[in-house]
Amino acid sequence: MLEFFRTMMPSRRNEDGASAVEYGLLIAGIAALIVAIVFVLGGVIRDAFDDTCKTVSNQGNASGTATCS
């Protein structure tokens, strides 16, 4: 009878490696999301900084030429 219960009960498996794989997939997903955001918003952010740099340079430069790169 004891042998019957042992076969009916699910055996315990070692799942230590599964959590490491799950964390790895989570980190890879977050990294992919960051890369996607940088590519999507990168141009907008660059343009905002360029506009700000040109405005500040024109305010302090008597000739009106911007020195931003």
PDB file of N, CA and C in Angstrom:
ATOM      1  N   MET A   1       0.820  -1.185   0.000  1.00  0.00           N
ATOM      2  CA  MET A   1       0.000   0.000   0.000  1.00  0.00           C
ATOM      3  C   MET A   1       0.869   1.256   0.000  1.00  0.00           C
ATOM      4  N   LEU A   2       1.951   1.252   0.753  1.00  0.00           N
ATOM      5  CA  LEU A   2       2.862   2.386   0.787  1.00  0.00           C
ATOM      6  C   LEU A   2       3.470   2.639  -0.592  1.00  0.00           C
ATOM      7  N   GLU A   3       3.791   1.599  -1.287  1.00  0.00           N
ATOM      8  CA  GLU A   3       4.340   1.741  -2.640  1.00  0.00           C
ATOM      9  C   GLU A   3       3.318   2.376  -3.583  1.00  0.00           C
ATOM     10  N   PHE A   4       2.052   2.078  -3.385  1.00  0.00           N
ATOM     11  CA  PHE A   4       0.980   2.667  -4.198  1.00  0.00           C
ATOM     12  C   PHE A   4       0.933   4.178  -4.001  1.00  0.00           C
ATOM     13  N   PHE A   5       1.025   4.637  -2.743  1.00  0.00           N
ATOM     14  CA  PHE A   5       0.999   6.069  -2.471  1.00  0.00           C
ATOM     15  C   PHE A   5       2.244   6.778  -3.025  1.00  0.00           C
ATOM     16  N   ARG A   6       3.365   6.115  -2.985  1.00  0.00           N
ATOM     17  CA  ARG A   6       4.587   6.708  -3.541  1.00  0.00           C
ATOM     18  C   ARG A   6       4.470   6.911  -5.050  1.00  0.00           C
ATOM     19  N   THR A   7       3.832   5.982  -5.726  1.00  0.00           N
ATOM     20  CA  THR A   7       3.677   6.135  -7.163  1.00  0.00           C
ATOM     21  C   THR A   7       2.609   7.157  -7.511  1.00  0.00           C
ATOM     22  N   MET A   8       1.629   7.362  -6.648  1.00  0.00           N
ATOM     23  CA  MET A   8       0.554   8.308  -6.912  1.00  0.00           C
ATOM     24  C   MET A   8       0.966   9.752  -6.607  1.00  0.00           C
ATOM     25  N   MET A   9       1.805   9.944  -5.644  1.00  0.00           N
ATOM     26  CA  MET A   9       2.247  11.282  -5.264  1.00  0.00           C
ATOM     27  C   MET A   9       3.288  11.775  -6.280  1.00  0.00           C
ATOM     28  N   PRO A  10       3.194  13.048  -6.657  1.00  0.00           N
ATOM     29  CA  PRO A  10       4.198  13.556  -7.592  1.00  0.00           C
ATOM     30  C   PRO A  10       5.572  13.586  -6.923  1.00  0.00           C
ATOM     31  N   SER A  11       6.542  13.142  -7.655  1.00  0.00           N
ATOM     32  CA  SER A  11       7.892  13.135  -7.088  1.00  0.00           C
ATOM     33  C   SER A  11       8.436  14.550  -7.061  1.00  0.00           C
ATOM     34  N   ARG A  12       9.234  14.829  -6.069  1.00  0.00           N
ATOM     35  CA  ARG A  12       9.833  16.153  -5.945  1.00  0.00           C
ATOM     36  C   ARG A  12      11.012  16.235  -6.905  1.00  0.00           C
ATOM     37  N   ARG A  13      11.027  17.328  -7.664  1.00  0.00           N
ATOM     38  CA  ARG A  13      12.105  17.537  -8.617  1.00  0.00           C
ATOM     39  C   ARG A  13      12.957  18.702  -8.152  1.00  0.00           C
ATOM     40  N   ASN A  14      14.190  18.645  -8.532  1.00  0.00           N
ATOM     41  CA  ASN A  14      15.094  19.740  -8.218  1.00  0.00           C
ATOM     42  C   ASN A  14      14.899  20.815  -9.280  1.00  0.00           C
ATOM     43  N   GLU A  15      14.373  21.977  -8.894  1.00  0.00           N
ATOM     44  CA  GLU A  15      14.092  23.055  -9.839  1.00  0.00           C
ATOM     45  C   GLU A  15      14.952  24.280  -9.566  1.00  0.00           C
ATOM     46  N   ASP A  16      16.132  24.088  -9.021  1.00  0.00           N
ATOM     47  CA  ASP A  16      17.019  25.221  -8.740  1.00  0.00           C
ATOM     48  C   ASP A  16      17.475  25.901 -10.020  1.00  0.00           C
ATOM     49  N   GLY A  17      17.768  25.133 -11.032  1.00  0.00           N
ATOM     50  CA  GLY A  17      18.222  25.697 -12.297  1.00  0.00           C
ATOM     51  C   GLY A  17      17.144  26.463 -13.020  1.00  0.00           C
ATOM     52  N   ALA A  18      15.897  26.104 -12.811  1.00  0.00           N
ATOM     53  CA  ALA A  18      14.802  26.771 -13.503  1.00  0.00           C
ATOM     54  C   ALA A  18      14.705  28.233 -13.084  1.00  0.00           C
ATOM     55  N   SER A  19      14.934  28.526 -11.829  1.00  0.00           N
ATOM     56  CA  SER A  19      14.838  29.918 -11.394  1.00  0.00           C
ATOM     57  C   SER A  19      15.962  30.764 -11.998  1.00  0.00           C
ATOM     58  N   ALA A  20      17.133  30.186 -12.177  1.00  0.00           N
ATOM     59  CA  ALA A  20      18.239  30.921 -12.798  1.00  0.00           C
ATOM     60  C   ALA A  20      17.909  31.242 -14.256  1.00  0.00           C
ATOM     61  N   VAL A  21      17.296  30.292 -14.945  1.00  0.00           N
ATOM     62  CA  VAL A  21      16.909  30.527 -16.336  1.00  0.00           C
ATOM     63  C   VAL A  21      15.839  31.608 -16.409  1.00  0.00           C
ATOM     64  N   GLU A  22      14.897  31.580 -15.503  1.00  0.00           N
ATOM     65  CA  GLU A  22      13.838  32.587 -15.485  1.00  0.00           C
ATOM     66  C   GLU A  22      14.406  33.977 -15.228  1.00  0.00           C
ATOM     67  N   TYR A  23      15.352  34.101 -14.304  1.00  0.00           N
ATOM     68  CA  TYR A  23      15.979  35.392 -14.044  1.00  0.00           C
ATOM     69  C   TYR A  23      16.761  35.863 -15.269  1.00  0.00           C
ATOM     70  N   GLY A  24      17.433  34.961 -15.932  1.00  0.00           N
ATOM     71  CA  GLY A  24      18.170  35.308 -17.142  1.00  0.00           C
ATOM     72  C   GLY A  24      17.252  35.830 -18.236  1.00  0.00           C
ATOM     73  N   LEU A  25      16.112  35.182 -18.426  1.00  0.00           N
ATOM     74  CA  LEU A  25      15.145  35.640 -19.420  1.00  0.00           C
ATOM     75  C   LEU A  25      14.564  36.990 -19.044  1.00  0.00           C
ATOM     76  N   LEU A  26      14.333  37.210 -17.763  1.00  0.00           N
ATOM     77  CA  LEU A  26      13.818  38.489 -17.296  1.00  0.00           C
ATOM     78  C   LEU A  26      14.815  39.614 -17.563  1.00  0.00           C
ATOM     79  N   ILE A  27      16.071  39.380 -17.275  1.00  0.00           N
ATOM     80  CA  ILE A  27      17.109  40.379 -17.520  1.00  0.00           C
ATOM     81  C   ILE A  27      17.257  40.648 -19.018  1.00  0.00           C
ATOM     82  N   ALA A  28      17.200  39.599 -19.831  1.00  0.00           N
ATOM     83  CA  ALA A  28      17.295  39.777 -21.280  1.00  0.00           C
ATOM     84  C   ALA A  28      16.114  40.596 -21.806  1.00  0.00           C
ATOM     85  N   GLY A  29      14.933  40.363 -21.265  1.00  0.00           N
ATOM     86  CA  GLY A  29      13.759  41.128 -21.680  1.00  0.00           C
ATOM     87  C   GLY A  29      13.871  42.592 -21.311  1.00  0.00           C
ATOM     88  N   ILE A  30      14.357  42.877 -20.116  1.00  0.00           N
ATOM     89  CA  ILE A  30      14.536  44.260 -19.675  1.00  0.00           C
ATOM     90  C   ILE A  30      15.584  44.954 -20.544  1.00  0.00           C
ATOM     91  N   ALA A  31      16.675  44.261 -20.852  1.00  0.00           N
ATOM     92  CA  ALA A  31      17.713  44.844 -21.696  1.00  0.00           C
ATOM     93  C   ALA A  31      17.173  45.152 -23.092  1.00  0.00           C
ATOM     94  N   ALA A  32      16.377  44.249 -23.649  1.00  0.00           N
ATOM     95  CA  ALA A  32      15.788  44.477 -24.971  1.00  0.00           C
ATOM     96  C   ALA A  32      14.841  45.677 -24.939  1.00  0.00           C
ATOM     97  N   LEU A  33      14.105  45.825 -23.862  1.00  0.00           N
ATOM     98  CA  LEU A  33      13.198  46.966 -23.729  1.00  0.00           C
ATOM     99  C   LEU A  33      13.973  48.286 -23.655  1.00  0.00           C
ATOM    100  N   ILE A  34      15.064  48.310 -22.924  1.00  0.00           N
ATOM    101  CA  ILE A  34      15.886  49.519 -22.820  1.00  0.00           C
ATOM    102  C   ILE A  34      16.465  49.882 -24.187  1.00  0.00           C
ATOM    103  N   VAL A  35      16.954  48.892 -24.923  1.00  0.00           N
ATOM    104  CA  VAL A  35      17.509  49.148 -26.258  1.00  0.00           C
ATOM    105  C   VAL A  35      16.433  49.701 -27.181  1.00  0.00           C
ATOM    106  N   ALA A  36      15.239  49.132 -27.131  1.00  0.00           N
ATOM    107  CA  ALA A  36      14.143  49.610 -27.976  1.00  0.00           C
ATOM    108  C   ALA A  36      13.771  51.048 -27.639  1.00  0.00           C
ATOM    109  N   ILE A  37      13.714  51.379 -26.364  1.00  0.00           N
ATOM    110  CA  ILE A  37      13.372  52.744 -25.949  1.00  0.00           C
ATOM    111  C   ILE A  37      14.437  53.735 -26.411  1.00  0.00           C
ATOM    112  N   VAL A  38      15.693  53.359 -26.301  1.00  0.00           N
ATOM    113  CA  VAL A  38      16.773  54.249 -26.733  1.00  0.00           C
ATOM    114  C   VAL A  38      16.682  54.499 -28.231  1.00  0.00           C
ATOM    115  N   PHE A  39      16.397  53.467 -29.023  1.00  0.00           N
ATOM    116  CA  PHE A  39      16.281  53.664 -30.465  1.00  0.00           C
ATOM    117  C   PHE A  39      15.062  54.491 -30.830  1.00  0.00           C
ATOM    118  N   VAL A  40      13.962  54.303 -30.130  1.00  0.00           N
ATOM    119  CA  VAL A  40      12.742  55.037 -30.452  1.00  0.00           C
ATOM    120  C   VAL A  40      12.838  56.491 -30.021  1.00  0.00           C
ATOM    121  N   LEU A  41      13.315  56.735 -28.818  1.00  0.00           N
ATOM    122  CA  LEU A  41      13.337  58.097 -28.276  1.00  0.00           C
ATOM    123  C   LEU A  41      14.676  58.803 -28.435  1.00  0.00           C
ATOM    124  N   GLY A  42      15.682  58.127 -28.960  1.00  0.00           N
ATOM    125  CA  GLY A  42      17.014  58.708 -29.057  1.00  0.00           C
ATOM    126  C   GLY A  42      17.060  59.969 -29.885  1.00  0.00           C
ATOM    127  N   GLY A  43      16.404  59.969 -31.031  1.00  0.00           N
ATOM    128  CA  GLY A  43      16.401  61.149 -31.894  1.00  0.00           C
ATOM    129  C   GLY A  43      15.695  62.320 -31.259  1.00  0.00           C
ATOM    130  N   VAL A  44      14.596  62.061 -30.581  1.00  0.00           N
ATOM    131  CA  VAL A  44      13.837  63.124 -29.921  1.00  0.00           C
ATOM    132  C   VAL A  44      14.666  63.765 -28.813  1.00  0.00           C
ATOM    133  N   ILE A  45      15.324  62.947 -28.044  1.00  0.00           N
ATOM    134  CA  ILE A  45      16.147  63.462 -26.943  1.00  0.00           C
ATOM    135  C   ILE A  45      17.345  64.236 -27.494  1.00  0.00           C
ATOM    136  N   ARG A  46      17.981  63.714 -28.545  1.00  0.00           N
ATOM    137  CA  ARG A  46      19.115  64.407 -29.154  1.00  0.00           C
ATOM    138  C   ARG A  46      18.696  65.774 -29.684  1.00  0.00           C
ATOM    139  N   ASP A  47      17.555  65.826 -30.359  1.00  0.00           N
ATOM    140  CA  ASP A  47      17.067  67.105 -30.884  1.00  0.00           C
ATOM    141  C   ASP A  47      16.779  68.103 -29.768  1.00  0.00           C
ATOM    142  N   ALA A  48      16.232  67.633 -28.664  1.00  0.00           N
ATOM    143  CA  ALA A  48      15.948  68.524 -27.539  1.00  0.00           C
ATOM    144  C   ALA A  48      17.241  69.091 -26.965  1.00  0.00           C
ATOM    145  N   PHE A  49      18.268  68.261 -26.824  1.00  0.00           N
ATOM    146  CA  PHE A  49      19.542  68.751 -26.318  1.00  0.00           C
ATOM    147  C   PHE A  49      20.207  69.691 -27.310  1.00  0.00           C
ATOM    148  N   ASP A  50      20.117  69.395 -28.608  1.00  0.00           N
ATOM    149  CA  ASP A  50      20.704  70.283 -29.612  1.00  0.00           C
ATOM    150  C   ASP A  50      20.032  71.652 -29.578  1.00  0.00           C
ATOM    151  N   ASP A  51      18.714  71.680 -29.492  1.00  0.00           N
ATOM    152  CA  ASP A  51      17.989  72.955 -29.436  1.00  0.00           C
ATOM    153  C   ASP A  51      18.387  73.757 -28.200  1.00  0.00           C
ATOM    154  N   THR A  52      18.502  73.065 -27.073  1.00  0.00           N
ATOM    155  CA  THR A  52      18.888  73.740 -25.835  1.00  0.00           C
ATOM    156  C   THR A  52      20.307  74.280 -25.935  1.00  0.00           C
ATOM    157  N   CYS A  53      21.194  73.491 -26.497  1.00  0.00           N
ATOM    158  CA  CYS A  53      22.587  73.911 -26.641  1.00  0.00           C
ATOM    159  C   CYS A  53      22.697  75.123 -27.558  1.00  0.00           C
ATOM    160  N   LYS A  54      21.965  75.112 -28.662  1.00  0.00           N
ATOM    161  CA  LYS A  54      22.004  76.243 -29.584  1.00  0.00           C
ATOM    162  C   LYS A  54      21.430  77.498 -28.945  1.00  0.00           C
ATOM    163  N   THR A  55      20.375  77.344 -28.165  1.00  0.00           N
ATOM    164  CA  THR A  55      19.779  78.503 -27.492  1.00  0.00           C
ATOM    165  C   THR A  55      20.748  79.099 -26.486  1.00  0.00           C
ATOM    166  N   VAL A  56      21.384  78.263 -25.709  1.00  0.00           N
ATOM    167  CA  VAL A  56      22.338  78.749 -24.712  1.00  0.00           C
ATOM    168  C   VAL A  56      23.537  79.385 -25.409  1.00  0.00           C
ATOM    169  N   SER A  57      24.031  78.793 -26.479  1.00  0.00           N
ATOM    170  CA  SER A  57      25.181  79.342 -27.193  1.00  0.00           C
ATOM    171  C   SER A  57      24.839  80.685 -27.820  1.00  0.00           C
ATOM    172  N   ASN A  58      23.653  80.823 -28.376  1.00  0.00           N
ATOM    173  CA  ASN A  58      23.254  82.089 -28.998  1.00  0.00           C
ATOM    174  C   ASN A  58      23.065  83.183 -27.955  1.00  0.00           C
ATOM    175  N   GLN A  59      22.691  82.824 -26.768  1.00  0.00           N
ATOM    176  CA  GLN A  59      22.516  83.821 -25.706  1.00  0.00           C
ATOM    177  C   GLN A  59      23.862  84.403 -25.269  1.00  0.00           C
ATOM    178  N   GLY A  60      24.896  83.560 -25.244  1.00  0.00           N
ATOM    179  CA  GLY A  60      26.183  84.017 -24.734  1.00  0.00           C
ATOM    180  C   GLY A  60      27.157  84.401 -25.809  1.00  0.00           C
ATOM    181  N   ASN A  61      26.827  84.194 -27.071  1.00  0.00           N
ATOM    182  CA  ASN A  61      27.750  84.455 -28.156  1.00  0.00           C
ATOM    183  C   ASN A  61      27.276  85.704 -28.909  1.00  0.00           C
ATOM    184  N   ALA A  62      28.129  86.708 -29.006  1.00  0.00           N
ATOM    185  CA  ALA A  62      27.734  87.983 -29.628  1.00  0.00           C
ATOM    186  C   ALA A  62      27.517  87.837 -31.120  1.00  0.00           C
ATOM    187  N   SER A  63      28.256  86.932 -31.777  1.00  0.00           N
ATOM    188  CA  SER A  63      28.130  86.795 -33.219  1.00  0.00           C
ATOM    189  C   SER A  63      26.909  85.984 -33.617  1.00  0.00           C
ATOM    190  N   GLY A  64      26.324  85.249 -32.692  1.00  0.00           N
ATOM    191  CA  GLY A  64      25.116  84.481 -32.978  1.00  0.00           C
ATOM    192  C   GLY A  64      25.374  83.120 -33.585  1.00  0.00           C
ATOM    193  N   THR A  65      26.636  82.717 -33.676  1.00  0.00           N
ATOM    194  CA  THR A  65      26.917  81.384 -34.216  1.00  0.00           C
ATOM    195  C   THR A  65      26.956  80.382 -33.072  1.00  0.00           C
ATOM    196  N   ALA A  66      26.369  79.245 -33.292  1.00  0.00           N
ATOM    197  CA  ALA A  66      26.334  78.204 -32.273  1.00  0.00           C
ATOM    198  C   ALA A  66      27.614  77.383 -32.313  1.00  0.00           C
ATOM    199  N   THR A  67      28.104  77.018 -31.150  1.00  0.00           N
ATOM    200  CA  THR A  67      29.325  76.220 -31.072  1.00  0.00           C
ATOM    201  C   THR A  67      29.018  74.789 -30.629  1.00  0.00           C
ATOM    202  N   CYS A  68      27.797  74.353 -30.787  1.00  0.00           N
ATOM    203  CA  CYS A  68      27.423  72.995 -30.381  1.00  0.00           C
ATOM    204  C   CYS A  68      27.847  71.996 -31.444  1.00  0.00           C
ATOM    205  N   SER A  69      28.153  70.813 -31.012  1.00  0.00           N
ATOM    206  CA  SER A  69      28.519  69.783 -31.975  1.00  0.00           C
ATOM    207  C   SER A  69      27.436  68.744 -32.074  1.00  0.00           C
TER     208      SER A  69
END
